[in-house]
Protein backbone atom coordinates (compact mmCIF):
# COMPACT_ATOMS: atom_id res chain seq x y z
CA MET A 1 -0.36 2.50 -31.68
CA THR A 2 2.68 0.90 -29.86
CA ASP A 3 4.91 -0.75 -31.99
CA ILE A 4 5.10 -4.55 -30.11
CA ALA A 5 7.78 -7.14 -31.09
CA ILE A 6 6.76 -11.08 -29.68
CA LEU A 7 9.14 -13.25 -29.06
CA VAL A 8 8.38 -16.71 -28.86
CA GLY A 9 10.36 -19.69 -26.95
CA THR A 10 8.67 -23.35 -27.72
CA GLU A 11 9.30 -26.43 -27.82
CA SER A 12 6.00 -28.38 -28.62
CA GLY A 13 3.94 -25.29 -30.23
CA ASN A 14 1.64 -24.31 -26.86
CA ALA A 15 4.14 -20.91 -26.77
CA GLN A 16 3.20 -20.13 -30.63
CA MET A 17 -0.34 -20.85 -30.36
CA VAL A 18 -0.32 -18.31 -27.39
CA ALA A 19 2.29 -15.95 -29.67
CA ASP A 20 -0.52 -16.07 -32.45
CA ALA A 21 -3.28 -15.49 -30.09
CA LEU A 22 -1.32 -12.54 -28.22
CA GLN A 23 -0.91 -10.83 -32.15
CA GLU A 24 -4.04 -11.61 -32.94
CA VAL A 25 -5.35 -9.97 -30.13
CA LEU A 26 -2.48 -6.85 -30.45
CA GLU A 27 -2.71 -6.11 -33.89
CA GLU A 28 -6.40 -4.55 -33.28
CA ALA A 29 -4.48 -1.42 -32.34
CA HIS A 30 -0.83 -2.18 -32.33
CA GLU A 31 1.94 -3.10 -34.96
CA VAL A 32 2.97 -6.11 -34.24
CA ALA A 33 5.89 -8.43 -35.28
CA LEU A 34 6.29 -12.08 -34.23
CA HIS A 35 9.57 -13.63 -33.96
CA GLU A 36 9.31 -17.44 -34.16
CA GLU A 37 13.37 -17.85 -34.00
CA PRO A 38 14.31 -14.56 -32.14
CA ASP A 39 17.59 -13.34 -33.37
CA TYR A 40 19.97 -10.96 -31.16
CA ASP A 41 21.04 -8.97 -34.16
CA GLU A 42 17.87 -9.20 -36.20
CA LEU A 43 15.79 -7.63 -33.76
CA ASP A 44 17.63 -4.23 -32.92
CA PHE A 45 17.09 -3.78 -29.52
CA SER A 46 18.14 0.06 -29.42
CA SER A 47 15.18 0.66 -31.76
CA ARG A 48 12.53 -1.57 -29.85
CA ASP A 49 10.43 -0.06 -27.27
CA VAL A 50 8.07 -2.77 -26.13
CA LEU A 51 8.35 -6.53 -26.12
CA ILE A 52 6.16 -9.34 -25.16
CA ILE A 53 7.83 -12.98 -24.65
CA SER A 54 5.82 -16.11 -25.11
CA CYS A 55 8.01 -18.91 -23.83
CA SER A 56 7.31 -22.61 -22.65
CA THR A 57 9.57 -24.36 -20.11
CA HIS A 58 11.04 -27.99 -21.44
CA GLY A 59 13.09 -30.63 -19.13
CA ASP A 60 14.16 -29.60 -16.03
CA GLY A 61 13.12 -25.85 -16.43
CA GLU A 62 15.26 -25.25 -19.65
CA LEU A 63 14.95 -22.88 -21.81
CA PRO A 64 13.41 -24.27 -25.47
CA ASP A 65 16.16 -24.47 -28.22
CA ASN A 66 15.00 -21.66 -30.53
CA ILE A 67 15.45 -18.51 -28.05
CA ILE A 68 18.67 -20.29 -26.62
CA PRO A 69 20.90 -18.26 -29.05
CA LEU A 70 19.39 -15.24 -28.19
CA CYS A 71 19.25 -15.04 -24.42
CA ASP A 72 22.91 -16.07 -24.74
CA ALA A 73 23.43 -12.84 -26.80
CA LEU A 74 22.00 -10.96 -24.50
CA LYS A 75 24.14 -12.19 -21.44
CA GLU A 76 27.02 -11.74 -23.66
CA GLN A 77 26.18 -8.47 -25.56
CA LYS A 78 24.57 -7.31 -21.93
CA PRO A 79 22.98 -3.87 -23.72
CA ASP A 80 21.40 -1.49 -22.19
CA LEU A 81 17.43 -1.92 -22.13
CA SER A 82 16.38 0.42 -20.13
CA HIS A 83 14.20 2.10 -22.62
CA ILE A 84 12.18 -1.26 -23.48
CA ARG A 85 9.08 -2.21 -21.57
CA TYR A 86 8.06 -5.77 -21.87
CA GLY A 87 5.46 -8.51 -20.65
CA ILE A 88 6.30 -12.11 -20.21
CA VAL A 89 3.69 -15.48 -20.96
CA ALA A 90 5.35 -18.22 -19.40
CA LEU A 91 3.83 -21.91 -19.88
CA GLY A 92 4.75 -24.49 -17.65
CA ASP A 93 3.30 -27.74 -15.88
CA GLN A 94 2.86 -27.23 -12.09
CA THR A 95 3.40 -31.33 -11.81
CA TYR A 96 6.82 -29.92 -11.64
CA HIS A 97 6.68 -27.63 -8.88
CA GLN A 98 10.47 -26.75 -8.48
CA THR A 99 10.85 -25.87 -12.16
CA PHE A 100 7.45 -24.45 -13.16
CA CYS A 101 7.51 -21.65 -15.16
CA GLN A 102 11.19 -21.72 -14.96
CA ALA A 103 11.97 -20.64 -18.28
CA GLY A 104 9.97 -17.38 -18.31
CA LYS A 105 10.90 -16.89 -15.13
CA ASP A 106 14.82 -17.08 -16.21
CA VAL A 107 14.18 -14.61 -19.34
CA ASP A 108 11.81 -12.47 -16.85
CA ALA A 109 14.91 -11.72 -14.71
CA LEU A 110 17.49 -11.59 -17.79
CA LEU A 111 15.40 -8.82 -19.56
CA ALA A 112 15.32 -6.92 -15.79
CA SER A 113 19.18 -7.35 -15.12
CA LEU A 114 19.39 -5.72 -18.16
CA GLY A 115 17.50 -2.44 -17.43
CA ALA A 116 14.02 -3.30 -19.35
CA VAL A 117 10.69 -2.70 -16.96
CA ARG A 118 8.35 -5.24 -16.93
CA VAL A 119 4.79 -4.37 -17.46
CA GLY A 120 1.99 -5.85 -14.92
CA GLU A 121 2.42 -9.10 -13.86
CA ARG A 122 3.74 -12.30 -15.34
CA PHE A 123 1.33 -14.40 -16.87
CA GLU A 124 2.15 -18.24 -15.71
CA VAL A 125 -0.33 -21.02 -17.73
CA ASP A 126 -0.16 -24.36 -16.11
CA ALA A 127 -0.90 -27.12 -18.32
CA CYS A 128 -2.88 -29.61 -16.06
CA THR A 129 -5.42 -26.00 -14.98
CA GLN A 130 -5.47 -24.00 -18.21
CA PRO A 131 -6.18 -26.87 -21.38
CA LEU A 132 -6.44 -23.54 -24.01
CA PRO A 133 -3.74 -21.42 -23.02
CA ASP A 134 -4.37 -18.84 -25.88
CA GLU A 135 -7.91 -18.12 -24.76
CA ASP A 136 -6.50 -17.12 -21.14
CA ALA A 137 -3.76 -15.17 -23.29
CA ARG A 138 -6.00 -13.26 -24.84
CA ASP A 139 -8.00 -12.15 -21.89
CA TRP A 140 -4.41 -11.05 -20.25
CA VAL A 141 -2.92 -9.39 -23.35
CA ARG A 142 -6.15 -6.95 -23.46
CA ASP A 143 -5.38 -6.05 -19.50
CA TRP A 144 -1.50 -5.68 -20.23
CA ALA A 145 -1.85 -3.42 -23.52
CA GLU A 146 -3.88 -0.98 -21.54
CA GLN A 147 -1.05 -0.33 -19.00
CA LEU A 148 1.35 0.26 -21.71
């Protein structure tokens, strides 16, 4: 049984809906903590092994307001995250091709720059073609968890 933290970056609630679905699936075999307002100090990255980030993109490819403080703290503190494995669920809208899933891509790059190792492929959700992202995320996370 693995201890998994799910971090949510959301503006309209879609990334939260996806995170809830991920939690539901993962709780069948793992300890799961959902962080709707992820806080750097509360997360205690030194004791974490596995993370999933469910992050939407808004505006011109920007991070949701609730996850900006965490990302800013990670950039400022620069902790060694080489002991952490993670997964990314990035939500976006392909009609905005240049910024499609940009926030999730940015969080992915930030974690990798700090030494964390992504497990599997980043799961990119397109609002235009995936009207029920939580259902698709359930399938993705089952495959993802097998790779841990």
